[in-house]
C-alpha atoms as a PDB file:
ATOM      1  CA  UNK A   1      -4.823  16.597   9.536  1.00  0.00           C
ATOM      2  CA  UNK A   2      -2.960  13.618   8.101  1.00  0.00           C
ATOM      3  CA  UNK A   3      -2.876  12.732   4.398  1.00  0.00           C
ATOM      4  CA  UNK A   4      -2.198   9.263   3.052  1.00  0.00           C
ATOM      5  CA  UNK A   5      -2.179   8.179  -0.570  1.00  0.00           C
ATOM      6  CA  UNK A   6      -1.797   4.868  -2.383  1.00  0.00           C
ATOM      7  CA  UNK A   7      -0.515   4.122  -5.869  1.00  0.00           C
ATOM      8  CA  UNK A   8      -0.524   0.886  -7.865  1.00  0.00           C
ATOM      9  CA  UNK A   9      -0.231   2.329 -11.388  1.00  0.00           C
ATOM     10  CA  UNK A  10      -2.906   0.335 -13.163  1.00  0.00           C
ATOM     11  CA  UNK A  11      -3.008   1.758 -16.682  1.00  0.00           C
ATOM     12  CA  UNK A  12      -5.661  -0.073 -18.743  1.00  0.00           C
ATOM     13  CA  UNK A  13      -5.960   0.601 -22.455  1.00  0.00           C
ATOM     14  CA  UNK A  14      -9.053   2.791 -22.070  1.00  0.00           C
ATOM     15  CA  UNK A  15      -7.023   5.261 -19.972  1.00  0.00           C
ATOM     16  CA  UNK A  16      -5.200   6.463 -23.097  1.00  0.00           C
ATOM     17  CA  UNK A  17      -2.011   7.270 -21.188  1.00  0.00           C
ATOM     18  CA  UNK A  18       1.460   5.747 -21.195  1.00  0.00           C
ATOM     19  CA  UNK A  19       3.087   4.266 -18.124  1.00  0.00           C
ATOM     20  CA  UNK A  20       5.602   7.106 -18.365  1.00  0.00           C
ATOM     21  CA  UNK A  21       2.684   9.558 -18.080  1.00  0.00           C
ATOM     22  CA  UNK A  22       1.457   7.825 -14.925  1.00  0.00           C
ATOM     23  CA  UNK A  23       4.868   7.670 -13.276  1.00  0.00           C
ATOM     24  CA  UNK A  24       5.503  11.345 -14.050  1.00  0.00           C
ATOM     25  CA  UNK A  25       2.103  12.342 -12.641  1.00  0.00           C
ATOM     26  CA  UNK A  26       2.768  10.390  -9.439  1.00  0.00           C
ATOM     27  CA  UNK A  27       6.097  12.150  -8.941  1.00  0.00           C
ATOM     28  CA  UNK A  28       4.374  15.507  -9.344  1.00  0.00           C
ATOM     29  CA  UNK A  29       1.670  14.452  -6.872  1.00  0.00           C
ATOM     30  CA  UNK A  30       4.297  13.368  -4.334  1.00  0.00           C
ATOM     31  CA  UNK A  31       6.028  16.748  -4.600  1.00  0.00           C
ATOM     32  CA  UNK A  32       2.664  18.505  -4.246  1.00  0.00           C
ATOM     33  CA  UNK A  33       1.807  16.520  -1.094  1.00  0.00           C
ATOM     34  CA  UNK A  34       5.216  17.250   0.407  1.00  0.00           C
ATOM     35  CA  UNK A  35       4.544  20.969   0.037  1.00  0.00           C
ATOM     36  CA  UNK A  36       1.191  21.019   1.841  1.00  0.00           C
ATOM     37  CA  UNK A  37       2.777  21.481   5.243  1.00  0.00           C
ATOM     38  CA  UNK A  38       0.970  18.546   6.896  1.00  0.00           C
ATOM     39  CA  UNK A  39       2.115  15.016   7.798  1.00  0.00           C
ATOM     40  CA  UNK A  40       1.677  12.842   4.736  1.00  0.00           C
ATOM     41  CA  UNK A  41       2.599   9.407   3.442  1.00  0.00           C
ATOM     42  CA  UNK A  42       2.486   7.355   0.261  1.00  0.00           C
ATOM     43  CA  UNK A  43       2.109   3.581  -0.012  1.00  0.00           C
ATOM     44  CA  UNK A  44       3.025   1.803  -3.254  1.00  0.00           C
ATOM     45  CA  UNK A  45       1.609  -1.628  -3.966  1.00  0.00           C
ATOM     46  CA  UNK A  46       3.155  -4.558  -5.854  1.00  0.00           C
ATOM     47  CA  UNK A  47       1.835  -7.167  -8.292  1.00  0.00           C
ATOM     48  CA  UNK A  48       3.413  -8.961 -11.238  1.00  0.00           C
ATOM     49  CA  UNK A  49       2.516  -9.781 -14.848  1.00  0.00           C
ATOM     50  CA  UNK A  50      -0.653  -7.693 -14.835  1.00  0.00           C
ATOM     51  CA  UNK A  51      -1.907  -6.673 -18.276  1.00  0.00           C
ATOM     52  CA  UNK A  52      -2.761  -3.181 -17.026  1.00  0.00           C
ATOM     53  CA  UNK A  53       0.805  -2.453 -15.913  1.00  0.00           C
ATOM     54  CA  UNK A  54       0.340  -2.782 -12.143  1.00  0.00           C
ATOM     55  CA  UNK A  55       3.728  -1.805 -10.749  1.00  0.00           C
ATOM     56  CA  UNK A  56       6.058  -4.762  -9.987  1.00  0.00           C
ATOM     57  CA  UNK A  57       8.885  -2.657  -8.494  1.00  0.00           C
ATOM     58  CA  UNK A  58       7.606  -0.246  -5.839  1.00  0.00           C
ATOM     59  CA  UNK A  59      11.110   0.443  -4.508  1.00  0.00           C
ATOM     60  CA  UNK A  60      12.054   2.176  -7.755  1.00  0.00           C
ATOM     61  CA  UNK A  61       9.177   4.634  -7.812  1.00  0.00           C
ATOM     62  CA  UNK A  62       9.628   5.318  -4.084  1.00  0.00           C
ATOM     63  CA  UNK A  63      13.277   6.214  -4.736  1.00  0.00           C
ATOM     64  CA  UNK A  64      12.173   8.634  -7.455  1.00  0.00           C
ATOM     65  CA  UNK A  65       9.526  10.173  -5.190  1.00  0.00           C
ATOM     66  CA  UNK A  66      12.040  10.534  -2.385  1.00  0.00           C
ATOM     67  CA  UNK A  67      14.294  12.570  -4.659  1.00  0.00           C
ATOM     68  CA  UNK A  68      11.460  15.074  -5.137  1.00  0.00           C
ATOM     69  CA  UNK A  69      10.431  15.334  -1.463  1.00  0.00           C
ATOM     70  CA  UNK A  70      11.834  16.151   1.964  1.00  0.00           C
ATOM     71  CA  UNK A  71       9.360  15.005   4.644  1.00  0.00           C
ATOM     72  CA  UNK A  72       6.904  12.651   2.949  1.00  0.00           C
ATOM     73  CA  UNK A  73       6.986   9.105   4.349  1.00  0.00           C
ATOM     74  CA  UNK A  74       6.796   5.971   2.209  1.00  0.00           C
ATOM     75  CA  UNK A  75       5.932   2.305   2.483  1.00  0.00           C
ATOM     76  CA  UNK A  76       5.379  -0.690   0.275  1.00  0.00           C
ATOM     77  CA  UNK A  77       1.935  -2.213   0.712  1.00  0.00           C
ATOM     78  CA  UNK A  78       2.793  -4.857   0.187  1.00  0.00           C
ATOM     79  CA  UNK A  79       6.101  -6.409  -0.798  1.00  0.00           C
ATOM     80  CA  UNK A  80       5.185  -9.935  -1.926  1.00  0.00           C
ATOM     81  CA  UNK A  81       7.824 -12.010  -0.173  1.00  0.00           C
ATOM     82  CA  UNK A  82       7.725 -15.301  -2.127  1.00  0.00           C
ATOM     83  CA  UNK A  83       8.911 -13.600  -5.323  1.00  0.00           C
ATOM     84  CA  UNK A  84      12.033 -11.949  -3.881  1.00  0.00           C
ATOM     85  CA  UNK A  85      15.519 -13.103  -3.033  1.00  0.00           C
ATOM     86  CA  UNK A  86      15.769 -12.166   0.669  1.00  0.00           C
ATOM     87  CA  UNK A  87      19.318 -10.804   0.512  1.00  0.00           C
ATOM     88  CA  UNK A  88      18.729  -8.721  -2.609  1.00  0.00           C
ATOM     89  CA  UNK A  89      15.556  -7.334  -1.055  1.00  0.00           C
ATOM     90  CA  UNK A  90      17.487  -6.415   2.086  1.00  0.00           C
ATOM     91  CA  UNK A  91      20.120  -4.639  -0.008  1.00  0.00           C
ATOM     92  CA  UNK A  92      17.451  -2.694  -1.898  1.00  0.00           C
ATOM     93  CA  UNK A  93      15.822  -1.454   1.292  1.00  0.00           C
ATOM     94  CA  UNK A  94      19.117  -0.585   2.966  1.00  0.00           C
ATOM     95  CA  UNK A  95      19.915   1.603  -0.030  1.00  0.00           C
ATOM     96  CA  UNK A  96      16.368   2.986  -0.086  1.00  0.00           C
ATOM     97  CA  UNK A  97      16.535   3.818   3.617  1.00  0.00           C
ATOM     98  CA  UNK A  98      19.619   5.917   2.884  1.00  0.00           C
ATOM     99  CA  UNK A  99      18.066   7.557  -0.185  1.00  0.00           C
ATOM    100  CA  UNK A 100      14.970   8.553   1.807  1.00  0.00           C
ATOM    101  CA  UNK A 101      16.976   9.404   4.933  1.00  0.00           C
ATOM    102  CA  UNK A 102      14.926   6.979   6.990  1.00  0.00           C
ATOM    103  CA  UNK A 103      11.505   7.714   5.490  1.00  0.00           C
ATOM    104  CA  UNK A 104      10.595   4.214   4.213  1.00  0.00           C
ATOM    105  CA  UNK A 105       9.003   1.134   5.802  1.00  0.00           C
ATOM    106  CA  UNK A 106       7.570  -2.010   4.257  1.00  0.00           C
ATOM    107  CA  UNK A 107       4.663  -4.350   4.669  1.00  0.00           C
ATOM    108  CA  UNK A 108       5.512  -7.939   3.759  1.00  0.00           C
ATOM    109  CA  UNK A 109       2.789 -10.297   2.512  1.00  0.00           C
ATOM    110  CA  UNK A 110       2.532 -13.747   1.002  1.00  0.00           C
ATOM    111  CA  UNK A 111       0.604 -12.955  -2.171  1.00  0.00           C
ATOM    112  CA  UNK A 112      -2.453 -14.737  -3.506  1.00  0.00           C
ATOM    113  CA  UNK A 113      -2.755 -14.427  -7.320  1.00  0.00           C
ATOM    114  CA  UNK A 114      -2.105 -17.874  -8.903  1.00  0.00           C
ATOM    115  CA  UNK A 115      -0.754 -16.309 -12.112  1.00  0.00           C
ATOM    116  CA  UNK A 116       2.073 -14.680 -10.156  1.00  0.00           C
ATOM    117  CA  UNK A 117       3.134 -17.911  -8.470  1.00  0.00           C
ATOM    118  CA  UNK A 118       3.149 -19.557 -11.901  1.00  0.00           C
ATOM    119  CA  UNK A 119       5.194 -16.684 -13.346  1.00  0.00           C
ATOM    120  CA  UNK A 120       7.906 -17.101 -10.712  1.00  0.00           C
ATOM    121  CA  UNK A 121       7.563 -20.906 -10.539  1.00  0.00           C
ATOM    122  CA  UNK A 122       6.944 -20.723  -6.790  1.00  0.00           C
ATOM    123  CA  UNK A 123       4.681 -23.327  -5.134  1.00  0.00           C
ATOM    124  CA  UNK A 124       1.904 -21.465  -3.355  1.00  0.00           C
ATOM    125  CA  UNK A 125       2.210 -23.833  -0.381  1.00  0.00           C
ATOM    126  CA  UNK A 126       5.633 -22.303   0.333  1.00  0.00           C
ATOM    127  CA  UNK A 127       4.178 -18.890   1.223  1.00  0.00           C
ATOM    128  CA  UNK A 128       4.544 -19.156   5.027  1.00  0.00           C
ATOM    129  CA  UNK A 129       8.120 -20.419   4.818  1.00  0.00           C
ATOM    130  CA  UNK A 130       9.174 -17.764   2.335  1.00  0.00           C
ATOM    131  CA  UNK A 131       7.472 -14.919   4.218  1.00  0.00           C
ATOM    132  CA  UNK A 132       9.172 -15.996   7.437  1.00  0.00           C
ATOM    133  CA  UNK A 133      12.598 -16.157   5.790  1.00  0.00           C
ATOM    134  CA  UNK A 134      12.192 -12.730   4.198  1.00  0.00           C
ATOM    135  CA  UNK A 135      11.074 -11.062   7.433  1.00  0.00           C
ATOM    136  CA  UNK A 136      13.858 -12.685   9.470  1.00  0.00           C
ATOM    137  CA  UNK A 137      16.465 -11.787   6.838  1.00  0.00           C
ATOM    138  CA  UNK A 138      15.348  -8.176   6.625  1.00  0.00           C
ATOM    139  CA  UNK A 139      15.377  -7.757  10.400  1.00  0.00           C
ATOM    140  CA  UNK A 140      18.853  -9.284  10.656  1.00  0.00           C
ATOM    141  CA  UNK A 141      20.211  -7.251   7.739  1.00  0.00           C
ATOM    142  CA  UNK A 142      18.789  -3.981   9.053  1.00  0.00           C
ATOM    143  CA  UNK A 143      20.726  -4.469  12.301  1.00  0.00           C
ATOM    144  CA  UNK A 144      23.826  -3.598  10.270  1.00  0.00           C
ATOM    145  CA  UNK A 145      25.948  -6.513  11.453  1.00  0.00           C
ATOM    146  CA  UNK A 146      27.000  -9.898   9.978  1.00  0.00           C
ATOM    147  CA  UNK A 147      24.427 -12.655  10.488  1.00  0.00           C
ATOM    148  CA  UNK A 148      23.818 -16.303   9.643  1.00  0.00           C
ATOM    149  CA  UNK A 149      21.900 -16.912   6.428  1.00  0.00           C
ATOM    150  CA  UNK A 150      21.276 -20.400   5.021  1.00  0.00           C
ATOM    151  CA  UNK A 151      24.268 -21.798   6.849  1.00  0.00           C
ATOM    152  CA  UNK A 152      26.766 -19.079   6.036  1.00  0.00           C
ATOM    153  CA  UNK A 153      27.730 -15.707   7.433  1.00  0.00           C
ATOM    154  CA  UNK A 154      26.695 -12.696   5.367  1.00  0.00           C
ATOM    155  CA  UNK A 155      26.848  -8.931   5.831  1.00  0.00           C
ATOM    156  CA  UNK A 156      24.418  -6.681   3.957  1.00  0.00           C
ATOM    157  CA  UNK A 157      25.787  -3.236   3.190  1.00  0.00           C
ATOM    158  CA  UNK A 158      25.317  -0.315   3.355  1.00  0.00           C
ATOM    159  CA  UNK A 159      23.814  -0.190   6.819  1.00  0.00           C
ATOM    160  CA  UNK A 160      20.491   1.637   7.077  1.00  0.00           C
ATOM    161  CA  UNK A 161      20.744   5.309   7.934  1.00  0.00           C
ATOM    162  CA  UNK A 162      18.558   4.884  11.018  1.00  0.00           C
ATOM    163  CA  UNK A 163      19.272   2.304  13.720  1.00  0.00           C
ATOM    164  CA  UNK A 164      17.345  -0.890  13.017  1.00  0.00           C
ATOM    165  CA  UNK A 165      16.393   0.245   9.531  1.00  0.00           C
ATOM    166  CA  UNK A 166      12.888   0.286   8.048  1.00  0.00           C
ATOM    167  CA  UNK A 167      10.032  -1.185  10.035  1.00  0.00           C
ATOM    168  CA  UNK A 168       9.080  -4.634   8.757  1.00  0.00           C
ATOM    169  CA  UNK A 169       5.322  -5.079   9.128  1.00  0.00           C
ATOM    170  CA  UNK A 170       3.405  -8.155   8.032  1.00  0.00           C
ATOM    171  CA  UNK A 171       0.104  -8.303   6.221  1.00  0.00           C
ATOM    172  CA  UNK A 172      -2.116 -11.338   6.483  1.00  0.00           C
ATOM    173  CA  UNK A 173      -5.500 -12.967   6.212  1.00  0.00           C
ATOM    174  CA  UNK A 174      -5.317 -15.903   8.622  1.00  0.00           C
ATOM    175  CA  UNK A 175      -4.759 -16.764  12.261  1.00  0.00           C
ATOM    176  CA  UNK A 176      -1.324 -18.327  11.574  1.00  0.00           C
ATOM    177  CA  UNK A 177      -0.209 -15.174   9.731  1.00  0.00           C
ATOM    178  CA  UNK A 178      -1.372 -12.980  12.613  1.00  0.00           C
ATOM    179  CA  UNK A 179       0.456 -15.036  15.213  1.00  0.00           C
ATOM    180  CA  UNK A 180       3.573 -15.224  13.027  1.00  0.00           C
ATOM    181  CA  UNK A 181       3.577 -11.429  12.753  1.00  0.00           C
ATOM    182  CA  UNK A 182       3.510 -11.141  16.539  1.00  0.00           C
ATOM    183  CA  UNK A 183       6.550 -13.406  16.765  1.00  0.00           C
ATOM    184  CA  UNK A 184       8.810 -11.956  14.090  1.00  0.00           C
ATOM    185  CA  UNK A 185       7.568  -8.609  12.707  1.00  0.00           C
ATOM    186  CA  UNK A 186       7.303  -4.988  13.832  1.00  0.00           C
ATOM    187  CA  UNK A 187       3.555  -4.870  13.331  1.00  0.00           C
ATOM    188  CA  UNK A 188       0.580  -6.431  11.578  1.00  0.00           C
ATOM    189  CA  UNK A 189      -1.934  -5.211   8.986  1.00  0.00           C
ATOM    190  CA  UNK A 190      -4.855  -7.659   8.745  1.00  0.00           C
ATOM    191  CA  UNK A 191      -7.142  -8.021   5.766  1.00  0.00           C
ATOM    192  CA  UNK A 192     -10.071  -8.218   8.193  1.00  0.00           C
ATOM    193  CA  UNK A 193     -10.526  -6.954  11.753  1.00  0.00           C
ATOM    194  CA  UNK A 194     -11.094 -10.476  13.101  1.00  0.00           C
ATOM    195  CA  UNK A 195      -7.467 -11.429  12.447  1.00  0.00           C
ATOM    196  CA  UNK A 196      -6.214  -8.561  14.603  1.00  0.00           C
ATOM    197  CA  UNK A 197      -7.490 -10.336  17.696  1.00  0.00           C
ATOM    198  CA  UNK A 198      -5.170 -13.303  17.042  1.00  0.00           C
ATOM    199  CA  UNK A 199      -2.243 -10.892  16.709  1.00  0.00           C
ATOM    200  CA  UNK A 200      -3.232  -9.146  19.917  1.00  0.00           C
ATOM    201  CA  UNK A 201      -3.560 -12.442  21.759  1.00  0.00           C
ATOM    202  CA  UNK A 202      -0.159 -13.692  20.588  1.00  0.00           C
ATOM    203  CA  UNK A 203       1.555 -10.401  21.456  1.00  0.00           C
ATOM    204  CA  UNK A 204       0.304 -10.717  25.030  1.00  0.00           C
ATOM    205  CA  UNK A 205       1.264 -14.389  25.262  1.00  0.00           C
ATOM    206  CA  UNK A 206       4.790 -13.445  24.179  1.00  0.00           C
ATOM    207  CA  UNK A 207       4.998 -10.731  26.811  1.00  0.00           C
ATOM    208  CA  UNK A 208       5.284  -7.988  24.209  1.00  0.00           C
ATOM    209  CA  UNK A 209       2.387  -5.952  25.567  1.00  0.00           C
ATOM    210  CA  UNK A 210      -1.157  -5.330  24.414  1.00  0.00           C
ATOM    211  CA  UNK A 211      -1.238  -3.495  21.049  1.00  0.00           C
ATOM    212  CA  UNK A 212      -4.805  -2.437  21.781  1.00  0.00           C
ATOM    213  CA  UNK A 213      -8.130  -3.070  20.081  1.00  0.00           C
ATOM    214  CA  UNK A 214      -6.396  -2.052  16.955  1.00  0.00           C
ATOM    215  CA  UNK A 215      -6.810  -1.599  13.360  1.00  0.00           C
ATOM    216  CA  UNK A 216      -9.652  -2.093  10.983  1.00  0.00           C
ATOM    217  CA  UNK A 217      -9.161  -4.723   8.344  1.00  0.00           C
ATOM    218  CA  UNK A 218      -9.307  -4.549   4.612  1.00  0.00           C
ATOM    219  CA  UNK A 219      -8.355  -1.908   2.132  1.00  0.00           C
ATOM    220  CA  UNK A 220      -9.436   1.641   2.781  1.00  0.00           C
ATOM    221  CA  UNK A 221     -12.461   2.841   0.848  1.00  0.00           C
ATOM    222  CA  UNK A 222     -11.644   4.953  -2.189  1.00  0.00           C
ATOM    223  CA  UNK A 223     -12.692   8.592  -2.008  1.00  0.00           C
ATOM    224  CA  UNK A 224     -12.378  11.299  -4.649  1.00  0.00           C
ATOM    225  CA  UNK A 225     -13.574  14.892  -4.587  1.00  0.00           C
ATOM    226  CA  UNK A 226     -15.706  16.732  -7.131  1.00  0.00           C
ATOM    227  CA  UNK A 227     -17.792  19.883  -7.127  1.00  0.00           C
ATOM    228  CA  UNK A 228     -20.477  17.956  -9.029  1.00  0.00           C
ATOM    229  CA  UNK A 229     -20.801  14.344  -7.852  1.00  0.00           C
ATOM    230  CA  UNK A 230     -22.515  13.137 -11.039  1.00  0.00           C
ATOM    231  CA  UNK A 231     -19.810  14.706 -13.189  1.00  0.00           C
ATOM    232  CA  UNK A 232     -17.174  13.151 -10.937  1.00  0.00           C
ATOM    233  CA  UNK A 233     -18.637   9.691 -11.401  1.00  0.00           C
ATOM    234  CA  UNK A 234     -18.806  10.262 -15.152  1.00  0.00           C
ATOM    235  CA  UNK A 235     -15.094  11.115 -15.201  1.00  0.00           C
ATOM    236  CA  UNK A 236     -13.882   8.465 -12.760  1.00  0.00           C
ATOM    237  CA  UNK A 237     -16.422   5.643 -12.676  1.00  0.00           C
ATOM    238  CA  UNK A 238     -14.856   3.534 -15.413  1.00  0.00           C
ATOM    239  CA  UNK A 239     -11.539   3.550 -13.569  1.00  0.00           C
ATOM    240  CA  UNK A 240     -13.222   2.510 -10.308  1.00  0.00           C
ATOM    241  CA  UNK A 241     -14.999  -0.310 -12.148  1.00  0.00           C
ATOM    242  CA  UNK A 242     -11.765  -1.531 -13.689  1.00  0.00           C
ATOM    243  CA  UNK A 243     -10.015  -1.643 -10.330  1.00  0.00           C
ATOM    244  CA  UNK A 244     -12.670  -3.587  -8.456  1.00  0.00           C
ATOM    245  CA  UNK A 245     -13.192  -6.084 -11.277  1.00  0.00           C
ATOM    246  CA  UNK A 246      -9.454  -6.653 -11.760  1.00  0.00           C
ATOM    247  CA  UNK A 247      -8.933  -7.337  -8.060  1.00  0.00           C
ATOM    248  CA  UNK A 248     -12.052  -9.503  -7.935  1.00  0.00           C
ATOM    249  CA  UNK A 249     -10.736 -11.637 -10.821  1.00  0.00           C
ATOM    250  CA  UNK A 250      -7.559 -12.351  -8.843  1.00  0.00           C
ATOM    251  CA  UNK A 251      -9.693 -13.140  -5.796  1.00  0.00           C
ATOM    252  CA  UNK A 252     -11.844 -15.633  -7.675  1.00  0.00           C
ATOM    253  CA  UNK A 253      -8.795 -17.303  -9.222  1.00  0.00           C
ATOM    254  CA  UNK A 254      -7.157 -17.619  -5.815  1.00  0.00           C
ATOM    255  CA  UNK A 255     -10.276 -18.644  -3.926  1.00  0.00           C
ATOM    256  CA  UNK A 256      -9.335 -16.106  -1.264  1.00  0.00           C
ATOM    257  CA  UNK A 257     -11.192 -13.192   0.263  1.00  0.00           C
ATOM    258  CA  UNK A 258     -10.484  -9.554  -0.599  1.00  0.00           C
ATOM    259  CA  UNK A 259     -12.557  -6.389  -0.093  1.00  0.00           C
ATOM    260  CA  UNK A 260     -13.229  -6.198  -3.847  1.00  0.00           C
ATOM    261  CA  UNK A 261     -16.358  -7.548  -5.575  1.00  0.00           C
ATOM    262  CA  UNK A 262     -17.141  -7.689  -9.312  1.00  0.00           C
ATOM    263  CA  UNK A 263     -19.761  -5.346 -10.748  1.00  0.00           C
ATOM    264  CA  UNK A 264     -21.420  -5.373 -14.176  1.00  0.00           C
ATOM    265  CA  UNK A 265     -21.340  -1.612 -14.722  1.00  0.00           C
ATOM    266  CA  UNK A 266     -20.597   1.760 -13.157  1.00  0.00           C
ATOM    267  CA  UNK A 267     -24.197   2.279 -12.094  1.00  0.00           C
ATOM    268  CA  UNK A 268     -24.168  -0.892  -9.990  1.00  0.00           C
ATOM    269  CA  UNK A 269     -20.809   0.013  -8.487  1.00  0.00           C
ATOM    270  CA  UNK A 270     -22.026   3.478  -7.557  1.00  0.00           C
ATOM    271  CA  UNK A 271     -24.759   1.919  -5.452  1.00  0.00           C
ATOM    272  CA  UNK A 272     -22.219  -0.027  -3.388  1.00  0.00           C
ATOM    273  CA  UNK A 273     -20.372   1.350  -0.364  1.00  0.00           C
ATOM    274  CA  UNK A 274     -16.713   1.316  -1.389  1.00  0.00           C
ATOM    275  CA  UNK A 275     -16.001   3.960  -4.042  1.00  0.00           C
ATOM    276  CA  UNK A 276     -17.166   7.436  -3.091  1.00  0.00           C
ATOM    277  CA  UNK A 277     -17.231  10.716  -4.991  1.00  0.00           C
ATOM    278  CA  UNK A 278     -18.081  13.499  -2.553  1.00  0.00           C
ATOM    279  CA  UNK A 279     -18.108  17.283  -2.513  1.00  0.00           C
ATOM    280  CA  UNK A 280     -15.410  19.106  -0.541  1.00  0.00           C
ATOM    281  CA  UNK A 281     -18.067  20.317   1.911  1.00  0.00           C
ATOM    282  CA  UNK A 282     -19.256  16.770   2.600  1.00  0.00           C
ATOM    283  CA  UNK A 283     -15.679  15.558   3.004  1.00  0.00           C
ATOM    284  CA  UNK A 284     -14.940  18.285   5.546  1.00  0.00           C
ATOM    285  CA  UNK A 285     -17.994  17.158   7.518  1.00  0.00           C
ATOM    286  CA  UNK A 286     -16.881  13.510   7.363  1.00  0.00           C
ATOM    287  CA  UNK A 287     -13.367  14.308   8.553  1.00  0.00           C
ATOM    288  CA  UNK A 288     -14.595  16.544  11.374  1.00  0.00           C
ATOM    289  CA  UNK A 289     -16.941  13.787  12.568  1.00  0.00           C
ATOM    290  CA  UNK A 290     -14.076  11.261  12.711  1.00  0.00           C
ATOM    291  CA  UNK A 291     -11.928  10.770  15.842  1.00  0.00           C
ATOM    292  CA  UNK A 292      -8.942  12.020  13.842  1.00  0.00           C
ATOM    293  CA  UNK A 293      -8.880  13.906  10.547  1.00  0.00           C
ATOM    294  CA  UNK A 294      -7.125  11.451   8.224  1.00  0.00           C
ATOM    295  CA  UNK A 295      -7.674  12.032   4.513  1.00  0.00           C
ATOM    296  CA  UNK A 296      -7.038   9.038   2.237  1.00  0.00           C
ATOM    297  CA  UNK A 297      -6.790   9.126  -1.535  1.00  0.00           C
ATOM    298  CA  UNK A 298      -5.961   6.678  -4.320  1.00  0.00           C
ATOM    299  CA  UNK A 299      -5.351   9.441  -6.858  1.00  0.00           C
ATOM    300  CA  UNK A 300      -4.686   7.434 -10.038  1.00  0.00           C
ATOM    301  CA  UNK A 301      -7.022   4.577  -9.111  1.00  0.00           C
ATOM    302  CA  UNK A 302      -7.723   2.035 -11.846  1.00  0.00           C
ATOM    303  CA  UNK A 303      -6.462   4.186 -14.707  1.00  0.00           C
ATOM    304  CA  UNK A 304      -8.025   7.401 -13.447  1.00  0.00           C
ATOM    305  CA  UNK A 305      -7.657  10.289 -15.904  1.00  0.00           C
ATOM    306  CA  UNK A 306      -4.672  12.286 -14.689  1.00  0.00           C
ATOM    307  CA  UNK A 307      -6.537  15.579 -14.867  1.00  0.00           C
ATOM    308  CA  UNK A 308      -9.431  14.123 -12.849  1.00  0.00           C
ATOM    309  CA  UNK A 309      -6.912  13.053 -10.208  1.00  0.00           C
ATOM    310  CA  UNK A 310      -5.481  16.558 -10.038  1.00  0.00           C
ATOM    311  CA  UNK A 311      -8.957  18.126  -9.891  1.00  0.00           C
ATOM    312  CA  UNK A 312      -9.750  16.013  -6.823  1.00  0.00           C
ATOM    313  CA  UNK A 313      -6.440  16.742  -5.086  1.00  0.00           C
ATOM    314  CA  UNK A 314      -6.642  20.469  -5.745  1.00  0.00           C
ATOM    315  CA  UNK A 315     -10.106  20.549  -4.180  1.00  0.00           C
ATOM    316  CA  UNK A 316      -8.560  18.943  -1.108  1.00  0.00           C
ATOM    317  CA  UNK A 317      -5.866  21.621  -1.019  1.00  0.00           C
ATOM    318  CA  UNK A 318      -8.095  24.620  -1.592  1.00  0.00           C
ATOM    319  CA  UNK A 319     -11.424  23.672   0.003  1.00  0.00           C
ATOM    320  CA  UNK A 320     -10.816  20.884   2.544  1.00  0.00           C
ATOM    321  CA  UNK A 321      -7.440  21.544   4.090  1.00  0.00           C
ATOM    322  CA  UNK A 322      -8.190  25.189   5.016  1.00  0.00           C
ATOM    323  CA  UNK A 323     -10.977  23.951   7.307  1.00  0.00           C
ATOM    324  CA  UNK A 324      -8.297  22.263   9.465  1.00  0.00           C
ATOM    325  CA  UNK A 325      -5.648  24.978   9.544  1.00  0.00           C
END
């Protein structure tokens, strides 16, 4: 059994909680996951200027989670490269690698929301150049030695605790992004399966080996557990609706594809195949039918009530996990 969780800390007004409440709950959840005795990881997303408080600084919450855990692994998914100074980002992750004792990696992406590019006064056409510079700078910095940066020699300290530092993986939604990842990154996470084939092709052309038929694209479906599915939807549906509509608004503004579509109400969303509320018994059956038992949760999704999040996670601990011991 493997457990992965994602946090983005959307906290819309209807949630009735403070950001401090959400951060505190996430730290408790991280400590809980670390104590389950199974391999587990947490990914923290990044966006900027969002009215619902979407976290802009995933490194900070990861550092706090690391202080409460011993074996849990972490990643950013994704660090939006165009909005970061490459050297400062490298320094942050060198420090974070030491704080976590080598338990952090990062996915680097180019971003897509026009409001964010306006906020940072970054031309959207500069995405490829800025992503490339960030990835190259991180890789050079994580080697722990002086390197050339914009025509001068620099040395990022402290060195990462593990040789080579965090893995630098690229996200992307185009053929050029996939091929760029093969050239400069440690891996690739495509938004759609079709882009993986370009990555695979480029890896083989470069003599780096065949990474295999690979990974599915897009964001993982959101699953939550409830003894009573109707009651679960009543408690969590509004949060699911907020998440999909907020992402869809960014998608429409950007003219780019994401897995999220807008829905007029919770009833319409429930009929789609992305957000699932299932009983523990059904989830056990799903996991046992899969090639590998990998549970995935987005516990505080879209402003999820904190108690509803805990109810779902505790059902995983008490009624799902025992079936795989």
